[in-house]
N, C-alpha and C. Protein backbone atom coordinates (compact mmCIF):
# COMPACT_ATOMS: atom_id res chain seq x y z
N UNK A 1 -104.77 28.01 -14.45
CA UNK A 1 -105.07 27.15 -15.56
C UNK A 1 -104.99 25.68 -15.16
N UNK A 2 -104.13 25.36 -14.23
CA UNK A 2 -103.99 23.98 -13.81
C UNK A 2 -105.28 23.49 -13.18
N UNK A 3 -105.99 24.38 -12.49
CA UNK A 3 -107.25 24.01 -11.87
C UNK A 3 -108.29 23.63 -12.92
N UNK A 4 -108.34 24.38 -14.01
CA UNK A 4 -109.31 24.07 -15.05
C UNK A 4 -108.94 22.77 -15.75
N UNK A 5 -107.65 22.49 -15.90
CA UNK A 5 -107.23 21.23 -16.49
C UNK A 5 -107.64 20.06 -15.59
N UNK A 6 -107.49 20.24 -14.27
CA UNK A 6 -107.89 19.20 -13.33
C UNK A 6 -109.39 18.94 -13.40
N UNK A 7 -110.16 20.02 -13.49
CA UNK A 7 -111.61 19.86 -13.59
C UNK A 7 -112.00 19.14 -14.87
N UNK A 8 -111.34 19.51 -15.96
CA UNK A 8 -111.63 18.88 -17.24
C UNK A 8 -111.31 17.39 -17.19
N UNK A 9 -110.17 17.05 -16.60
CA UNK A 9 -109.80 15.64 -16.47
C UNK A 9 -110.78 14.89 -15.58
N UNK A 10 -111.26 15.53 -14.53
CA UNK A 10 -112.22 14.89 -13.63
C UNK A 10 -113.54 14.62 -14.36
N UNK A 11 -114.00 15.59 -15.15
CA UNK A 11 -115.22 15.39 -15.92
C UNK A 11 -115.05 14.27 -16.95
N UNK A 12 -113.89 14.24 -17.60
CA UNK A 12 -113.63 13.21 -18.61
C UNK A 12 -113.57 11.83 -17.96
N UNK A 13 -112.96 11.75 -16.80
CA UNK A 13 -112.89 10.47 -16.08
C UNK A 13 -114.28 10.02 -15.65
N UNK A 14 -115.09 10.96 -15.17
CA UNK A 14 -116.46 10.62 -14.77
C UNK A 14 -117.25 10.13 -15.97
N UNK A 15 -117.05 10.77 -17.13
CA UNK A 15 -117.75 10.34 -18.35
C UNK A 15 -117.35 8.91 -18.70
N UNK A 16 -116.07 8.61 -18.62
CA UNK A 16 -115.61 7.25 -18.89
C UNK A 16 -116.23 6.23 -17.95
N UNK A 17 -116.33 6.61 -16.68
CA UNK A 17 -116.95 5.71 -15.71
C UNK A 17 -118.43 5.47 -16.03
N UNK A 18 -119.13 6.54 -16.43
CA UNK A 18 -120.54 6.39 -16.80
C UNK A 18 -120.68 5.50 -18.03
N UNK A 19 -119.79 5.69 -19.03
CA UNK A 19 -119.86 4.85 -20.22
C UNK A 19 -119.59 3.38 -19.89
N UNK A 20 -118.64 3.13 -19.00
CA UNK A 20 -118.35 1.75 -18.59
C UNK A 20 -119.56 1.13 -17.88
N UNK A 21 -120.18 1.91 -17.01
CA UNK A 21 -121.37 1.42 -16.30
C UNK A 21 -122.51 1.18 -17.28
N UNK A 22 -122.65 2.05 -18.26
CA UNK A 22 -123.70 1.89 -19.26
C UNK A 22 -123.49 0.61 -20.06
N UNK A 23 -122.26 0.33 -20.39
CA UNK A 23 -121.95 -0.90 -21.13
C UNK A 23 -122.33 -2.13 -20.30
N UNK A 24 -122.00 -2.10 -19.03
CA UNK A 24 -122.33 -3.22 -18.15
C UNK A 24 -123.84 -3.39 -18.03
N UNK A 25 -124.56 -2.29 -17.90
CA UNK A 25 -126.02 -2.36 -17.80
C UNK A 25 -126.64 -2.88 -19.09
N UNK A 26 -126.10 -2.45 -20.22
CA UNK A 26 -126.63 -2.92 -21.51
C UNK A 26 -126.39 -4.41 -21.68
N UNK A 27 -125.22 -4.88 -21.28
CA UNK A 27 -124.92 -6.31 -21.37
C UNK A 27 -125.82 -7.12 -20.45
N UNK A 28 -126.23 -6.52 -19.33
CA UNK A 28 -127.12 -7.20 -18.40
C UNK A 28 -128.57 -7.14 -18.87
N UNK A 29 -128.84 -6.34 -19.90
CA UNK A 29 -130.19 -6.27 -20.45
C UNK A 29 -131.02 -5.10 -19.96
N UNK A 30 -130.46 -4.26 -19.12
CA UNK A 30 -131.20 -3.11 -18.59
C UNK A 30 -130.91 -1.90 -19.47
N UNK A 31 -131.63 -1.80 -20.58
CA UNK A 31 -131.37 -0.74 -21.55
C UNK A 31 -131.81 0.63 -21.05
N UNK A 32 -132.83 0.69 -20.21
CA UNK A 32 -133.27 1.97 -19.65
C UNK A 32 -132.17 2.59 -18.79
N UNK A 33 -131.57 1.78 -17.92
CA UNK A 33 -130.48 2.28 -17.07
C UNK A 33 -129.27 2.64 -17.92
N UNK A 34 -128.98 1.86 -18.95
CA UNK A 34 -127.85 2.14 -19.83
C UNK A 34 -128.05 3.48 -20.54
N UNK A 35 -129.25 3.73 -21.00
CA UNK A 35 -129.53 4.99 -21.69
C UNK A 35 -129.36 6.17 -20.75
N UNK A 36 -129.81 6.03 -19.53
CA UNK A 36 -129.67 7.10 -18.53
C UNK A 36 -128.19 7.37 -18.26
N UNK A 37 -127.41 6.31 -18.13
CA UNK A 37 -125.98 6.48 -17.87
C UNK A 37 -125.26 7.12 -19.06
N UNK A 38 -125.68 6.79 -20.27
CA UNK A 38 -125.08 7.40 -21.45
C UNK A 38 -125.36 8.90 -21.47
N UNK A 39 -126.59 9.28 -21.12
CA UNK A 39 -126.91 10.71 -21.07
C UNK A 39 -126.08 11.43 -20.01
N UNK A 40 -125.86 10.78 -18.87
CA UNK A 40 -125.02 11.39 -17.83
C UNK A 40 -123.59 11.52 -18.31
N UNK A 41 -123.10 10.52 -19.05
CA UNK A 41 -121.74 10.57 -19.58
C UNK A 41 -121.59 11.70 -20.59
N UNK A 42 -122.58 11.86 -21.45
CA UNK A 42 -122.53 12.94 -22.44
C UNK A 42 -122.55 14.30 -21.76
N UNK A 43 -123.29 14.42 -20.66
CA UNK A 43 -123.31 15.67 -19.90
C UNK A 43 -121.92 15.96 -19.33
N UNK A 44 -121.26 14.93 -18.82
CA UNK A 44 -119.91 15.12 -18.27
C UNK A 44 -118.93 15.52 -19.36
N UNK A 45 -119.07 14.94 -20.55
CA UNK A 45 -118.20 15.33 -21.67
C UNK A 45 -118.43 16.79 -22.06
N UNK A 46 -119.70 17.20 -22.05
CA UNK A 46 -120.01 18.59 -22.38
C UNK A 46 -119.39 19.53 -21.35
N UNK A 47 -119.48 19.16 -20.09
CA UNK A 47 -118.88 19.98 -19.03
C UNK A 47 -117.36 20.05 -19.18
N UNK A 48 -116.74 18.93 -19.56
CA UNK A 48 -115.29 18.90 -19.73
C UNK A 48 -114.85 19.83 -20.85
N UNK A 49 -115.66 19.92 -21.90
CA UNK A 49 -115.27 20.76 -23.02
C UNK A 49 -115.51 22.24 -22.75
N UNK A 50 -116.34 22.56 -21.76
CA UNK A 50 -116.63 23.97 -21.49
C UNK A 50 -115.87 24.53 -20.30
N UNK A 51 -114.97 23.76 -19.72
CA UNK A 51 -114.17 24.24 -18.60
C UNK A 51 -113.10 25.19 -19.13
N UNK A 52 -112.87 26.27 -18.43
CA UNK A 52 -111.84 27.22 -18.82
C UNK A 52 -112.43 28.58 -19.10
N UNK A 53 -111.58 29.49 -19.48
CA UNK A 53 -112.07 30.85 -19.72
C UNK A 53 -112.98 30.91 -20.95
N UNK A 54 -114.01 31.68 -20.82
CA UNK A 54 -114.94 31.89 -21.93
C UNK A 54 -114.62 33.24 -22.54
N UNK A 55 -114.14 33.26 -23.77
CA UNK A 55 -113.68 34.50 -24.38
C UNK A 55 -114.63 35.03 -25.43
N UNK A 56 -115.71 34.36 -25.69
CA UNK A 56 -116.61 34.80 -26.73
C UNK A 56 -117.20 36.18 -26.45
N UNK A 57 -117.42 36.49 -25.18
CA UNK A 57 -117.98 37.78 -24.84
C UNK A 57 -116.96 38.91 -24.95
N UNK A 58 -115.68 38.57 -25.04
CA UNK A 58 -114.65 39.60 -25.13
C UNK A 58 -114.43 40.08 -26.55
N UNK A 59 -114.84 39.31 -27.51
CA UNK A 59 -114.66 39.68 -28.91
C UNK A 59 -115.83 40.57 -29.33
N UNK A 60 -115.51 41.78 -29.71
CA UNK A 60 -116.55 42.72 -30.09
C UNK A 60 -116.53 42.90 -31.61
N UNK A 61 -117.68 42.81 -32.24
CA UNK A 61 -117.70 42.99 -33.69
C UNK A 61 -117.47 44.45 -34.06
N UNK A 62 -116.87 44.64 -35.23
CA UNK A 62 -116.68 46.00 -35.72
C UNK A 62 -117.98 46.50 -36.33
N UNK A 63 -118.25 47.74 -36.08
CA UNK A 63 -119.50 48.33 -36.58
C UNK A 63 -119.27 49.10 -37.85
């Protein structure tokens, strides 16, 4: 479990870095680059939230 927590923290940190870079690009006037960086940050956030065991397939509906 510690490994998945480390991965989640790494993805979250990467997302923060992308958001910071996007802010800097937007302030510099490069909105295209800022938008690209925001999309990369959102992808990292999505990855951070999906790290860990996936249990949805283990739950079986009653018939």
